[in-house]
């Protein structure tokens, strides 16, 4: 229940929900809670949220909870009968930083080795996701989170896509179905993540020459 958590401060406002820093009353653990209101009234948002939940669970299960995306710790749904508002709360692992905040001024305190390590971890995360057949499709600084020890976590999986099974491995040998799958999912090819990351590195990181001297 949401009463098990104490909201500490507002963190950010996303496309379909607000994120808060909170504390679990039971174990005093710091968590992030994404609050999504009017959940059932917006079909597209419903699909995005359900996709994010499914992918977070699947990717964390593959890496035994110590992976490239924040852990999903709890999932709470509540309904206010008075205004027919259905809300969903995603309780997730809390990350102290995001790459956007670092690029906007906090990079100065990082050594060149730390910056290189962060970029390397981002690449490792993307490689793992692609090997699992998941294309993020929205790589940008505000979606790349870092823990207090600068371990990278890639978040906001709502617009991510899973590549169809015929592309990933054994399955139907029907060449027409395989060709149709490629055509249908052409917009979700892995290259889009690489292109976004290339732009991110060139525009946000390499421009900060101080940390690369």
N, C-alpha and C. Protein backbone atom coordinates (compact mmCIF):
# COMPACT_ATOMS: atom_id res chain seq x y z
N UNK A 1 0.83 -1.20 0.00
CA UNK A 1 0.00 0.00 0.00
C UNK A 1 0.87 1.26 0.00
N UNK A 2 0.32 2.33 -0.55
CA UNK A 2 1.07 3.58 -0.62
C UNK A 2 1.38 4.13 0.77
N UNK A 3 0.57 3.78 1.75
CA UNK A 3 0.80 4.24 3.12
C UNK A 3 2.09 3.68 3.71
N UNK A 4 2.68 2.70 3.03
CA UNK A 4 3.94 2.12 3.48
C UNK A 4 5.13 2.99 3.11
N UNK A 5 4.86 4.08 2.37
CA UNK A 5 5.94 4.95 1.92
C UNK A 5 5.67 6.39 2.32
N UNK A 6 6.74 7.11 2.62
CA UNK A 6 6.65 8.53 2.97
C UNK A 6 7.29 9.34 1.85
N UNK A 7 6.51 10.22 1.23
CA UNK A 7 7.03 11.05 0.15
C UNK A 7 7.95 12.11 0.73
N UNK A 8 9.15 12.21 0.16
CA UNK A 8 10.14 13.16 0.67
C UNK A 8 10.23 14.42 -0.18
N UNK A 9 10.32 14.25 -1.50
CA UNK A 9 10.43 15.42 -2.35
C UNK A 9 10.08 15.09 -3.79
N UNK A 10 9.64 16.12 -4.51
CA UNK A 10 9.35 15.98 -5.93
C UNK A 10 10.67 15.92 -6.70
N UNK A 11 10.74 15.01 -7.69
CA UNK A 11 11.96 14.85 -8.49
C UNK A 11 11.78 15.40 -9.90
N UNK A 12 10.75 14.93 -10.59
CA UNK A 12 10.58 15.36 -11.98
C UNK A 12 9.17 15.06 -12.45
N UNK A 13 8.81 15.69 -13.57
CA UNK A 13 7.52 15.46 -14.21
C UNK A 13 7.76 14.86 -15.58
N UNK A 14 7.23 13.66 -15.81
CA UNK A 14 7.40 13.02 -17.10
C UNK A 14 6.19 13.19 -17.99
N UNK A 15 6.18 12.47 -19.10
CA UNK A 15 5.10 12.60 -20.07
C UNK A 15 3.77 12.13 -19.51
N UNK A 16 3.79 11.13 -18.66
CA UNK A 16 2.53 10.62 -18.13
C UNK A 16 2.56 10.37 -16.63
N UNK A 17 3.46 11.00 -15.92
CA UNK A 17 3.48 10.83 -14.48
C UNK A 17 4.56 11.63 -13.80
N UNK A 18 4.36 11.87 -12.52
CA UNK A 18 5.35 12.58 -11.71
C UNK A 18 6.17 11.58 -10.91
N UNK A 19 7.44 11.92 -10.69
CA UNK A 19 8.34 11.04 -9.93
C UNK A 19 8.72 11.73 -8.62
N UNK A 20 8.64 10.97 -7.53
CA UNK A 20 8.97 11.49 -6.22
C UNK A 20 10.04 10.62 -5.56
N UNK A 21 10.87 11.27 -4.78
CA UNK A 21 11.77 10.55 -3.90
C UNK A 21 10.99 10.21 -2.63
N UNK A 22 11.09 8.98 -2.15
CA UNK A 22 10.30 8.56 -1.00
C UNK A 22 11.11 7.60 -0.13
N UNK A 23 10.58 7.32 1.03
CA UNK A 23 11.23 6.41 1.98
C UNK A 23 10.26 5.30 2.36
N UNK A 24 10.73 4.07 2.28
CA UNK A 24 9.92 2.93 2.72
C UNK A 24 9.91 2.92 4.25
N UNK A 25 8.75 3.01 4.84
CA UNK A 25 8.63 3.10 6.30
C UNK A 25 9.11 1.80 6.96
N UNK A 26 8.92 0.68 6.30
CA UNK A 26 9.26 -0.61 6.90
C UNK A 26 10.75 -0.80 7.07
N UNK A 27 11.54 -0.46 6.04
CA UNK A 27 12.99 -0.74 6.10
C UNK A 27 13.86 0.51 5.93
N UNK A 28 13.21 1.68 5.84
CA UNK A 28 13.92 2.96 5.72
C UNK A 28 14.72 3.08 4.43
N UNK A 29 14.35 2.32 3.42
CA UNK A 29 15.04 2.37 2.13
C UNK A 29 14.55 3.55 1.31
N UNK A 30 15.46 4.25 0.66
CA UNK A 30 15.09 5.34 -0.24
C UNK A 30 14.68 4.76 -1.59
N UNK A 31 13.53 5.19 -2.09
CA UNK A 31 13.01 4.67 -3.35
C UNK A 31 12.54 5.83 -4.22
N UNK A 32 12.26 5.53 -5.47
CA UNK A 32 11.62 6.48 -6.38
C UNK A 32 10.22 5.97 -6.69
N UNK A 33 9.23 6.84 -6.63
CA UNK A 33 7.85 6.45 -6.92
C UNK A 33 7.35 7.26 -8.11
N UNK A 34 6.98 6.54 -9.17
CA UNK A 34 6.37 7.19 -10.33
C UNK A 34 4.86 7.09 -10.17
N UNK A 35 4.19 8.24 -10.10
CA UNK A 35 2.74 8.30 -9.91
C UNK A 35 2.07 8.63 -11.23
N UNK A 36 1.14 7.79 -11.64
CA UNK A 36 0.43 7.98 -12.90
C UNK A 36 -1.06 8.06 -12.62
N UNK A 37 -1.65 9.22 -12.88
CA UNK A 37 -3.08 9.41 -12.63
C UNK A 37 -3.92 9.16 -13.85
N UNK A 38 -5.23 8.96 -13.62
CA UNK A 38 -6.18 8.70 -14.72
C UNK A 38 -5.68 7.59 -15.63
N UNK A 39 -5.19 6.55 -15.02
CA UNK A 39 -4.51 5.48 -15.75
C UNK A 39 -5.40 4.85 -16.82
N UNK A 40 -6.64 4.55 -16.45
CA UNK A 40 -7.50 3.82 -17.39
C UNK A 40 -8.13 4.71 -18.45
N UNK A 41 -7.98 6.02 -18.32
CA UNK A 41 -8.61 6.94 -19.28
C UNK A 41 -7.75 7.22 -20.49
N UNK A 42 -6.50 6.79 -20.48
CA UNK A 42 -5.58 7.08 -21.58
C UNK A 42 -4.97 5.76 -22.07
N UNK A 43 -5.55 5.23 -23.12
CA UNK A 43 -5.16 3.90 -23.60
C UNK A 43 -3.68 3.83 -23.97
N UNK A 44 -3.19 4.87 -24.64
CA UNK A 44 -1.79 4.85 -25.07
C UNK A 44 -0.86 4.84 -23.87
N UNK A 45 -1.17 5.65 -22.86
CA UNK A 45 -0.35 5.67 -21.65
C UNK A 45 -0.42 4.32 -20.94
N UNK A 46 -1.59 3.70 -20.94
CA UNK A 46 -1.73 2.37 -20.33
C UNK A 46 -0.76 1.38 -20.97
N UNK A 47 -0.72 1.41 -22.29
CA UNK A 47 0.17 0.49 -23.02
C UNK A 47 1.63 0.78 -22.68
N UNK A 48 2.00 2.05 -22.62
CA UNK A 48 3.38 2.41 -22.30
C UNK A 48 3.76 1.95 -20.89
N UNK A 49 2.89 2.20 -19.93
CA UNK A 49 3.18 1.82 -18.55
C UNK A 49 3.29 0.31 -18.41
N UNK A 50 2.36 -0.42 -19.00
CA UNK A 50 2.39 -1.88 -18.91
C UNK A 50 3.63 -2.44 -19.60
N UNK A 51 4.02 -1.82 -20.73
CA UNK A 51 5.23 -2.25 -21.42
C UNK A 51 6.46 -2.00 -20.54
N UNK A 52 6.50 -0.84 -19.89
CA UNK A 52 7.64 -0.52 -19.02
C UNK A 52 7.73 -1.51 -17.86
N UNK A 53 6.60 -1.84 -17.25
CA UNK A 53 6.59 -2.80 -16.14
C UNK A 53 7.10 -4.15 -16.61
N UNK A 54 6.58 -4.61 -17.74
CA UNK A 54 6.96 -5.92 -18.28
C UNK A 54 8.46 -5.99 -18.59
N UNK A 55 8.99 -4.95 -19.23
CA UNK A 55 10.40 -4.96 -19.61
C UNK A 55 11.31 -4.84 -18.40
N UNK A 56 10.93 -3.99 -17.43
CA UNK A 56 11.75 -3.87 -16.22
C UNK A 56 11.85 -5.20 -15.49
N UNK A 57 10.73 -5.87 -15.35
CA UNK A 57 10.72 -7.17 -14.68
C UNK A 57 11.55 -8.20 -15.44
N UNK A 58 11.38 -8.24 -16.76
CA UNK A 58 12.08 -9.23 -17.57
C UNK A 58 13.59 -9.00 -17.56
N UNK A 59 14.01 -7.76 -17.77
CA UNK A 59 15.44 -7.46 -17.83
C UNK A 59 16.12 -7.66 -16.47
N UNK A 60 15.44 -7.28 -15.40
CA UNK A 60 16.01 -7.50 -14.07
C UNK A 60 16.09 -8.97 -13.72
N UNK A 61 15.10 -9.74 -14.16
CA UNK A 61 15.13 -11.18 -13.90
C UNK A 61 16.31 -11.83 -14.61
N UNK A 62 16.61 -11.34 -15.82
CA UNK A 62 17.73 -11.88 -16.58
C UNK A 62 19.06 -11.58 -15.90
N UNK A 63 19.13 -10.44 -15.20
CA UNK A 63 20.38 -10.04 -14.54
C UNK A 63 20.28 -10.16 -13.01
N UNK A 64 19.27 -10.88 -12.56
CA UNK A 64 19.09 -11.18 -11.13
C UNK A 64 19.05 -9.91 -10.27
N UNK A 65 18.32 -8.89 -10.78
CA UNK A 65 18.08 -7.69 -10.00
C UNK A 65 19.25 -6.73 -9.89
N UNK A 66 20.35 -7.03 -10.58
CA UNK A 66 21.52 -6.16 -10.49
C UNK A 66 21.93 -5.73 -11.89
N UNK A 67 20.94 -5.22 -12.61
CA UNK A 67 21.17 -5.02 -14.03
C UNK A 67 21.20 -3.60 -14.49
N UNK A 68 20.84 -3.41 -15.77
CA UNK A 68 21.02 -2.14 -16.44
C UNK A 68 19.80 -1.24 -16.35
N UNK A 69 18.72 -1.71 -15.74
CA UNK A 69 17.54 -0.87 -15.54
C UNK A 69 17.21 -0.85 -14.05
N UNK A 70 16.56 0.21 -13.58
CA UNK A 70 16.20 0.26 -12.16
C UNK A 70 15.31 -0.91 -11.77
N UNK A 71 15.48 -1.40 -10.56
CA UNK A 71 14.64 -2.47 -10.05
C UNK A 71 13.22 -1.95 -9.80
N UNK A 72 12.23 -2.76 -10.16
CA UNK A 72 10.85 -2.47 -9.82
C UNK A 72 10.56 -3.18 -8.49
N UNK A 73 10.44 -2.42 -7.42
CA UNK A 73 10.32 -2.97 -6.07
C UNK A 73 8.89 -3.26 -5.66
N UNK A 74 7.97 -2.47 -6.18
CA UNK A 74 6.57 -2.62 -5.77
C UNK A 74 5.68 -2.00 -6.84
N UNK A 75 4.45 -2.47 -6.89
CA UNK A 75 3.48 -1.96 -7.86
C UNK A 75 2.15 -1.81 -7.13
N UNK A 76 1.63 -0.59 -7.12
CA UNK A 76 0.42 -0.30 -6.34
C UNK A 76 -0.61 0.35 -7.25
N UNK A 77 -1.85 -0.13 -7.15
CA UNK A 77 -2.96 0.50 -7.87
C UNK A 77 -4.00 0.94 -6.86
N UNK A 78 -4.56 2.12 -7.10
CA UNK A 78 -5.63 2.61 -6.23
C UNK A 78 -6.67 3.28 -7.09
N UNK A 79 -7.90 3.27 -6.60
CA UNK A 79 -9.00 3.88 -7.34
C UNK A 79 -9.81 4.77 -6.42
N UNK A 80 -9.97 6.01 -6.82
CA UNK A 80 -10.78 6.96 -6.08
C UNK A 80 -12.19 6.94 -6.67
N UNK A 81 -13.13 6.32 -5.95
CA UNK A 81 -14.48 6.17 -6.47
C UNK A 81 -15.16 7.51 -6.69
N UNK A 82 -14.81 8.52 -5.89
CA UNK A 82 -15.48 9.82 -5.98
C UNK A 82 -15.28 10.45 -7.35
N UNK A 83 -14.05 10.39 -7.88
CA UNK A 83 -13.80 11.02 -9.18
C UNK A 83 -13.42 10.02 -10.26
N UNK A 84 -13.61 8.74 -9.96
CA UNK A 84 -13.33 7.68 -10.92
C UNK A 84 -11.89 7.71 -11.43
N UNK A 85 -11.00 8.16 -10.58
CA UNK A 85 -9.59 8.28 -10.97
C UNK A 85 -8.84 7.02 -10.56
N UNK A 86 -8.31 6.31 -11.55
CA UNK A 86 -7.50 5.13 -11.26
C UNK A 86 -6.03 5.53 -11.36
N UNK A 87 -5.30 5.32 -10.29
CA UNK A 87 -3.89 5.70 -10.27
C UNK A 87 -3.02 4.47 -10.07
N UNK A 88 -1.85 4.52 -10.65
CA UNK A 88 -0.89 3.43 -10.50
C UNK A 88 0.43 4.03 -10.02
N UNK A 89 1.09 3.31 -9.13
CA UNK A 89 2.34 3.78 -8.53
C UNK A 89 3.42 2.72 -8.76
N UNK A 90 4.48 3.12 -9.43
CA UNK A 90 5.63 2.25 -9.65
C UNK A 90 6.70 2.61 -8.63
N UNK A 91 6.99 1.70 -7.74
CA UNK A 91 8.02 1.92 -6.73
C UNK A 91 9.31 1.29 -7.23
N UNK A 92 10.32 2.14 -7.44
CA UNK A 92 11.54 1.68 -8.10
C UNK A 92 12.78 2.01 -7.28
N UNK A 93 13.85 1.36 -7.65
CA UNK A 93 15.16 1.68 -7.09
C UNK A 93 15.47 3.15 -7.31
N UNK A 94 15.98 3.81 -6.29
CA UNK A 94 16.29 5.25 -6.41
C UNK A 94 17.70 5.45 -6.94
N UNK A 95 17.83 6.33 -7.91
CA UNK A 95 19.14 6.70 -8.46
C UNK A 95 19.38 8.18 -8.15
N UNK A 96 20.55 8.48 -7.62
CA UNK A 96 20.84 9.83 -7.15
C UNK A 96 20.99 10.86 -8.26
N UNK A 97 21.44 10.43 -9.44
CA UNK A 97 21.72 11.37 -10.51
C UNK A 97 21.09 10.91 -11.81
N UNK A 98 20.99 11.84 -12.76
CA UNK A 98 20.78 11.46 -14.15
C UNK A 98 21.82 12.19 -14.99
N UNK A 99 22.05 11.71 -16.18
CA UNK A 99 23.13 12.25 -17.01
C UNK A 99 22.86 13.71 -17.40
N UNK A 100 21.60 14.07 -17.47
CA UNK A 100 21.26 15.45 -17.82
C UNK A 100 21.77 16.43 -16.76
N UNK A 101 21.55 16.10 -15.49
CA UNK A 101 22.01 16.99 -14.42
C UNK A 101 23.53 17.06 -14.38
N UNK A 102 24.19 15.94 -14.67
CA UNK A 102 25.65 15.95 -14.69
C UNK A 102 26.17 16.81 -15.84
N UNK A 103 25.53 16.67 -17.00
CA UNK A 103 25.98 17.43 -18.17
C UNK A 103 25.71 18.92 -18.02
N UNK A 104 24.75 19.27 -17.18
CA UNK A 104 24.39 20.68 -17.02
C UNK A 104 25.24 21.40 -15.98
N UNK A 105 26.22 20.68 -15.39
CA UNK A 105 27.09 21.43 -14.48
C UNK A 105 27.86 20.60 -13.48
N UNK A 106 27.41 19.37 -13.23
CA UNK A 106 28.07 18.58 -12.21
C UNK A 106 29.21 17.72 -12.74
N UNK A 107 29.46 17.77 -14.06
CA UNK A 107 30.53 16.94 -14.63
C UNK A 107 31.92 17.40 -14.19
N UNK A 108 32.02 18.65 -13.75
CA UNK A 108 33.33 19.20 -13.44
C UNK A 108 34.04 18.43 -12.34
N UNK A 109 33.28 17.85 -11.41
CA UNK A 109 33.92 17.16 -10.29
C UNK A 109 34.30 15.73 -10.64
N UNK A 110 33.98 15.28 -11.86
CA UNK A 110 34.32 13.92 -12.28
C UNK A 110 35.66 13.91 -13.00
N UNK A 111 36.42 12.86 -12.78
CA UNK A 111 37.68 12.71 -13.49
C UNK A 111 37.40 12.17 -14.89
N UNK A 112 38.38 12.29 -15.77
CA UNK A 112 38.20 11.76 -17.13
C UNK A 112 37.97 10.25 -17.09
N UNK A 113 38.61 9.57 -16.12
CA UNK A 113 38.42 8.12 -15.98
C UNK A 113 36.97 7.79 -15.61
N UNK A 114 36.37 8.60 -14.74
CA UNK A 114 34.98 8.38 -14.36
C UNK A 114 34.03 8.60 -15.53
N UNK A 115 34.30 9.64 -16.31
CA UNK A 115 33.45 9.92 -17.48
C UNK A 115 33.54 8.78 -18.48
N UNK A 116 34.75 8.32 -18.74
CA UNK A 116 34.95 7.20 -19.67
C UNK A 116 34.25 5.95 -19.15
N UNK A 117 34.32 5.73 -17.84
CA UNK A 117 33.65 4.58 -17.23
C UNK A 117 32.14 4.65 -17.39
N UNK A 118 31.58 5.87 -17.23
CA UNK A 118 30.13 6.05 -17.39
C UNK A 118 29.71 5.75 -18.83
N UNK A 119 30.46 6.29 -19.79
CA UNK A 119 30.15 6.04 -21.20
C UNK A 119 30.25 4.54 -21.51
N UNK A 120 31.28 3.90 -20.96
CA UNK A 120 31.44 2.45 -21.18
C UNK A 120 30.26 1.68 -20.61
N UNK A 121 29.80 2.07 -19.42
CA UNK A 121 28.66 1.38 -18.81
C UNK A 121 27.39 1.57 -19.62
N UNK A 122 27.21 2.77 -20.17
CA UNK A 122 26.04 3.00 -21.03
C UNK A 122 26.08 2.04 -22.22
N UNK A 123 27.26 1.91 -22.83
CA UNK A 123 27.40 1.00 -23.97
C UNK A 123 27.12 -0.44 -23.57
N UNK A 124 27.60 -0.84 -22.40
CA UNK A 124 27.35 -2.21 -21.91
C UNK A 124 25.86 -2.45 -21.68
N UNK A 125 25.18 -1.44 -21.12
CA UNK A 125 23.74 -1.56 -20.88
C UNK A 125 22.98 -1.73 -22.18
N UNK A 126 23.33 -0.90 -23.17
CA UNK A 126 22.66 -1.01 -24.47
C UNK A 126 22.96 -2.34 -25.15
N UNK A 127 24.19 -2.80 -25.02
CA UNK A 127 24.54 -4.10 -25.61
C UNK A 127 23.71 -5.22 -24.99
N UNK A 128 23.54 -5.17 -23.67
CA UNK A 128 22.74 -6.19 -23.01
C UNK A 128 21.28 -6.13 -23.46
N UNK A 129 20.72 -4.91 -23.50
CA UNK A 129 19.33 -4.78 -23.91
C UNK A 129 19.12 -5.27 -25.33
N UNK A 130 20.05 -4.93 -26.22
CA UNK A 130 19.93 -5.37 -27.61
C UNK A 130 20.08 -6.88 -27.71
N UNK A 131 20.96 -7.46 -26.90
CA UNK A 131 21.12 -8.92 -26.93
C UNK A 131 19.86 -9.61 -26.42
N UNK A 132 19.09 -8.90 -25.58
CA UNK A 132 17.82 -9.44 -25.08
C UNK A 132 16.66 -9.13 -26.02
N UNK A 133 16.97 -8.48 -27.16
CA UNK A 133 15.94 -8.17 -28.13
C UNK A 133 15.12 -6.95 -27.79
N UNK A 134 15.66 -6.04 -26.98
CA UNK A 134 14.94 -4.84 -26.57
C UNK A 134 15.63 -3.60 -27.16
N UNK A 135 14.86 -2.76 -27.83
CA UNK A 135 15.37 -1.50 -28.36
C UNK A 135 14.73 -0.37 -27.57
N UNK A 136 15.55 0.48 -26.96
CA UNK A 136 15.03 1.52 -26.07
C UNK A 136 14.25 2.61 -26.82
N UNK A 137 14.83 3.16 -27.87
CA UNK A 137 14.21 4.13 -28.77
C UNK A 137 14.09 5.54 -28.21
N UNK A 138 14.57 5.78 -27.01
CA UNK A 138 14.49 7.14 -26.47
C UNK A 138 15.71 7.43 -25.58
N UNK A 139 16.90 7.10 -26.10
CA UNK A 139 18.12 7.36 -25.34
C UNK A 139 18.40 8.85 -25.31
N UNK A 140 18.42 9.42 -24.12
CA UNK A 140 18.74 10.83 -23.92
C UNK A 140 19.23 10.99 -22.49
N UNK A 141 19.91 12.10 -22.18
CA UNK A 141 20.52 12.25 -20.86
C UNK A 141 19.56 12.07 -19.69
N UNK A 142 18.32 12.57 -19.82
CA UNK A 142 17.38 12.48 -18.70
C UNK A 142 16.87 11.06 -18.47
N UNK A 143 17.11 10.15 -19.41
CA UNK A 143 16.69 8.75 -19.24
C UNK A 143 17.83 7.83 -18.82
N UNK A 144 19.00 8.41 -18.60
CA UNK A 144 20.15 7.62 -18.14
C UNK A 144 20.44 8.02 -16.69
N UNK A 145 20.21 7.09 -15.78
CA UNK A 145 20.34 7.37 -14.36
C UNK A 145 21.64 6.78 -13.81
N UNK A 146 22.10 7.36 -12.71
CA UNK A 146 23.31 6.87 -12.07
C UNK A 146 23.08 6.79 -10.57
N UNK A 147 23.57 5.71 -9.97
CA UNK A 147 23.49 5.56 -8.53
C UNK A 147 24.58 6.42 -7.89
N UNK A 148 24.62 6.43 -6.57
CA UNK A 148 25.60 7.28 -5.88
C UNK A 148 27.04 6.87 -6.17
N UNK A 149 27.25 5.62 -6.58
CA UNK A 149 28.59 5.18 -6.97
C UNK A 149 28.75 5.14 -8.50
N UNK A 150 27.85 5.87 -9.20
CA UNK A 150 27.91 6.07 -10.65
C UNK A 150 27.71 4.79 -11.45
N UNK A 151 26.91 3.88 -10.92
CA UNK A 151 26.51 2.72 -11.70
C UNK A 151 25.34 3.14 -12.59
N UNK A 152 25.43 2.83 -13.88
CA UNK A 152 24.45 3.30 -14.85
C UNK A 152 23.20 2.43 -14.87
N UNK A 153 22.05 3.09 -14.92
CA UNK A 153 20.76 2.43 -15.09
C UNK A 153 20.00 3.18 -16.17
N UNK A 154 19.45 2.48 -17.13
CA UNK A 154 18.69 3.11 -18.21
C UNK A 154 17.20 2.97 -17.90
N UNK A 155 16.51 4.11 -17.83
CA UNK A 155 15.10 4.09 -17.44
C UNK A 155 14.17 4.55 -18.54
N UNK A 156 12.90 4.71 -18.13
CA UNK A 156 11.83 5.15 -19.04
C UNK A 156 11.75 4.24 -20.26
N UNK A 157 11.24 3.04 -20.05
CA UNK A 157 11.15 2.05 -21.11
C UNK A 157 9.79 2.05 -21.81
N UNK A 158 8.99 3.09 -21.58
CA UNK A 158 7.63 3.10 -22.11
C UNK A 158 7.53 3.04 -23.62
N UNK A 159 8.50 3.60 -24.34
CA UNK A 159 8.45 3.57 -25.80
C UNK A 159 9.39 2.51 -26.37
N UNK A 160 9.97 1.69 -25.51
CA UNK A 160 10.86 0.62 -25.97
C UNK A 160 10.05 -0.44 -26.73
N UNK A 161 10.74 -1.22 -27.50
CA UNK A 161 10.10 -2.30 -28.25
C UNK A 161 10.91 -3.58 -28.11
N UNK A 162 10.20 -4.69 -28.10
CA UNK A 162 10.84 -6.00 -28.16
C UNK A 162 10.79 -6.47 -29.60
N UNK A 163 11.94 -6.86 -30.13
CA UNK A 163 11.98 -7.35 -31.50
C UNK A 163 11.24 -8.67 -31.58
N UNK A 164 10.60 -8.95 -32.71
CA UNK A 164 9.81 -10.18 -32.85
C UNK A 164 10.68 -11.42 -32.77
N UNK A 165 10.10 -12.48 -32.26
CA UNK A 165 10.84 -13.73 -32.05
C UNK A 165 11.51 -14.26 -33.31
N UNK A 166 10.87 -14.24 -34.49
CA UNK A 166 11.55 -14.76 -35.67
C UNK A 166 12.88 -14.10 -35.95
N UNK A 167 13.05 -12.82 -35.50
CA UNK A 167 14.31 -12.13 -35.73
C UNK A 167 15.36 -12.58 -34.72
N UNK A 168 14.91 -12.96 -33.52
CA UNK A 168 15.84 -13.20 -32.44
C UNK A 168 16.43 -14.60 -32.43
N UNK A 169 15.75 -15.56 -32.98
CA UNK A 169 16.30 -16.91 -32.89
C UNK A 169 15.38 -17.94 -33.50
N UNK A 170 15.45 -19.17 -33.01
CA UNK A 170 14.66 -20.26 -33.58
C UNK A 170 13.17 -19.95 -33.57
N UNK A 171 12.48 -20.44 -34.55
CA UNK A 171 11.05 -20.20 -34.63
C UNK A 171 10.55 -20.62 -35.99
N UNK A 172 9.56 -19.91 -36.46
CA UNK A 172 9.00 -20.25 -37.75
C UNK A 172 10.03 -20.06 -38.86
N UNK A 173 10.04 -21.00 -39.80
CA UNK A 173 10.94 -20.87 -40.95
C UNK A 173 10.21 -20.25 -42.14
N UNK A 174 9.02 -19.72 -41.88
CA UNK A 174 8.24 -19.09 -42.92
C UNK A 174 8.91 -17.79 -43.33
N UNK A 175 9.52 -17.77 -44.50
CA UNK A 175 10.31 -16.61 -44.92
C UNK A 175 9.43 -15.38 -45.11
N UNK A 176 8.18 -15.57 -45.51
CA UNK A 176 7.29 -14.42 -45.68
C UNK A 176 7.03 -13.75 -44.34
N UNK A 177 6.77 -14.56 -43.29
CA UNK A 177 6.54 -14.00 -41.97
C UNK A 177 7.80 -13.29 -41.46
N UNK A 178 8.95 -13.88 -41.75
CA UNK A 178 10.20 -13.27 -41.32
C UNK A 178 10.41 -11.92 -42.02
N UNK A 179 10.17 -11.90 -43.33
CA UNK A 179 10.33 -10.65 -44.08
C UNK A 179 9.35 -9.59 -43.57
N UNK A 180 8.10 -10.00 -43.33
CA UNK A 180 7.09 -9.06 -42.84
C UNK A 180 7.45 -8.51 -41.47
N UNK A 181 8.07 -9.35 -40.63
CA UNK A 181 8.48 -8.90 -39.31
C UNK A 181 9.56 -7.84 -39.41
N UNK A 182 10.50 -8.06 -40.32
CA UNK A 182 11.56 -7.06 -40.51
C UNK A 182 10.96 -5.73 -40.97
N UNK A 183 10.04 -5.80 -41.93
CA UNK A 183 9.44 -4.58 -42.45
C UNK A 183 8.62 -3.87 -41.39
N UNK A 184 7.85 -4.63 -40.62
CA UNK A 184 6.98 -4.04 -39.61
C UNK A 184 7.78 -3.36 -38.52
N UNK A 185 8.91 -3.96 -38.14
CA UNK A 185 9.69 -3.44 -37.03
C UNK A 185 10.94 -2.69 -37.48
N UNK A 186 10.96 -2.27 -38.74
CA UNK A 186 12.12 -1.56 -39.24
C UNK A 186 12.41 -0.31 -38.41
N UNK A 187 11.34 0.37 -37.94
CA UNK A 187 11.52 1.60 -37.17
C UNK A 187 12.10 1.33 -35.80
N UNK A 188 12.15 0.07 -35.38
CA UNK A 188 12.64 -0.27 -34.05
C UNK A 188 14.04 -0.88 -34.10
N UNK A 189 14.73 -0.76 -35.22
CA UNK A 189 16.04 -1.38 -35.34
C UNK A 189 17.00 -0.86 -34.29
N UNK A 190 17.99 -1.66 -33.95
CA UNK A 190 18.94 -1.32 -32.89
C UNK A 190 19.71 -0.04 -33.18
N UNK A 191 19.89 0.28 -34.48
CA UNK A 191 20.70 1.44 -34.85
C UNK A 191 20.19 2.73 -34.24
N UNK A 192 18.89 2.81 -33.96
CA UNK A 192 18.35 4.07 -33.45
C UNK A 192 18.95 4.39 -32.08
N UNK A 193 19.21 3.37 -31.24
CA UNK A 193 19.83 3.61 -29.95
C UNK A 193 21.27 4.08 -30.13
N UNK A 194 21.99 3.46 -31.06
CA UNK A 194 23.38 3.84 -31.30
C UNK A 194 23.48 5.26 -31.82
N UNK A 195 22.57 5.63 -32.72
CA UNK A 195 22.58 6.99 -33.26
C UNK A 195 22.30 8.01 -32.16
N UNK A 196 21.32 7.71 -31.30
CA UNK A 196 21.01 8.62 -30.20
C UNK A 196 22.19 8.77 -29.25
N UNK A 197 22.86 7.65 -28.98
CA UNK A 197 24.00 7.70 -28.06
C UNK A 197 25.16 8.47 -28.67
N UNK A 198 25.39 8.30 -29.97
CA UNK A 198 26.46 9.06 -30.64
C UNK A 198 26.22 10.56 -30.51
N UNK A 199 24.98 10.97 -30.71
CA UNK A 199 24.65 12.39 -30.59
C UNK A 199 24.82 12.86 -29.15
N UNK A 200 24.40 12.03 -28.22
CA UNK A 200 24.51 12.39 -26.81
C UNK A 200 25.96 12.61 -26.42
N UNK A 201 26.83 11.69 -26.80
CA UNK A 201 28.24 11.78 -26.42
C UNK A 201 28.89 13.01 -27.07
N UNK A 202 28.63 13.22 -28.35
CA UNK A 202 29.27 14.33 -29.05
C UNK A 202 28.77 15.68 -28.57
N UNK A 203 27.48 15.78 -28.24
CA UNK A 203 26.90 17.06 -27.87
C UNK A 203 27.05 17.38 -26.40
N UNK A 204 27.01 16.36 -25.54
CA UNK A 204 26.94 16.62 -24.11
C UNK A 204 28.23 16.32 -23.35
N UNK A 205 28.97 15.33 -23.78
CA UNK A 205 30.14 14.91 -23.01
C UNK A 205 31.43 15.47 -23.59
N UNK A 206 31.65 15.23 -24.89
CA UNK A 206 32.91 15.65 -25.49
C UNK A 206 33.06 17.16 -25.49
N UNK A 207 31.96 17.90 -25.52
CA UNK A 207 32.02 19.36 -25.49
C UNK A 207 32.63 19.85 -24.20
N UNK A 208 32.53 19.07 -23.13
CA UNK A 208 33.09 19.48 -21.84
C UNK A 208 34.56 19.11 -21.82
N UNK A 209 35.40 19.96 -22.39
CA UNK A 209 36.80 19.63 -22.57
C UNK A 209 37.56 19.55 -21.27
N UNK A 210 37.07 20.21 -20.23
CA UNK A 210 37.79 20.23 -18.96
C UNK A 210 38.01 18.83 -18.42
N UNK A 211 36.99 17.98 -18.56
CA UNK A 211 37.09 16.66 -17.94
C UNK A 211 37.91 15.70 -18.79
N UNK A 212 38.27 16.10 -20.01
CA UNK A 212 39.00 15.19 -20.88
C UNK A 212 40.47 15.58 -21.02
N UNK A 213 40.91 16.55 -20.25
CA UNK A 213 42.31 16.96 -20.35
C UNK A 213 43.18 16.02 -19.52
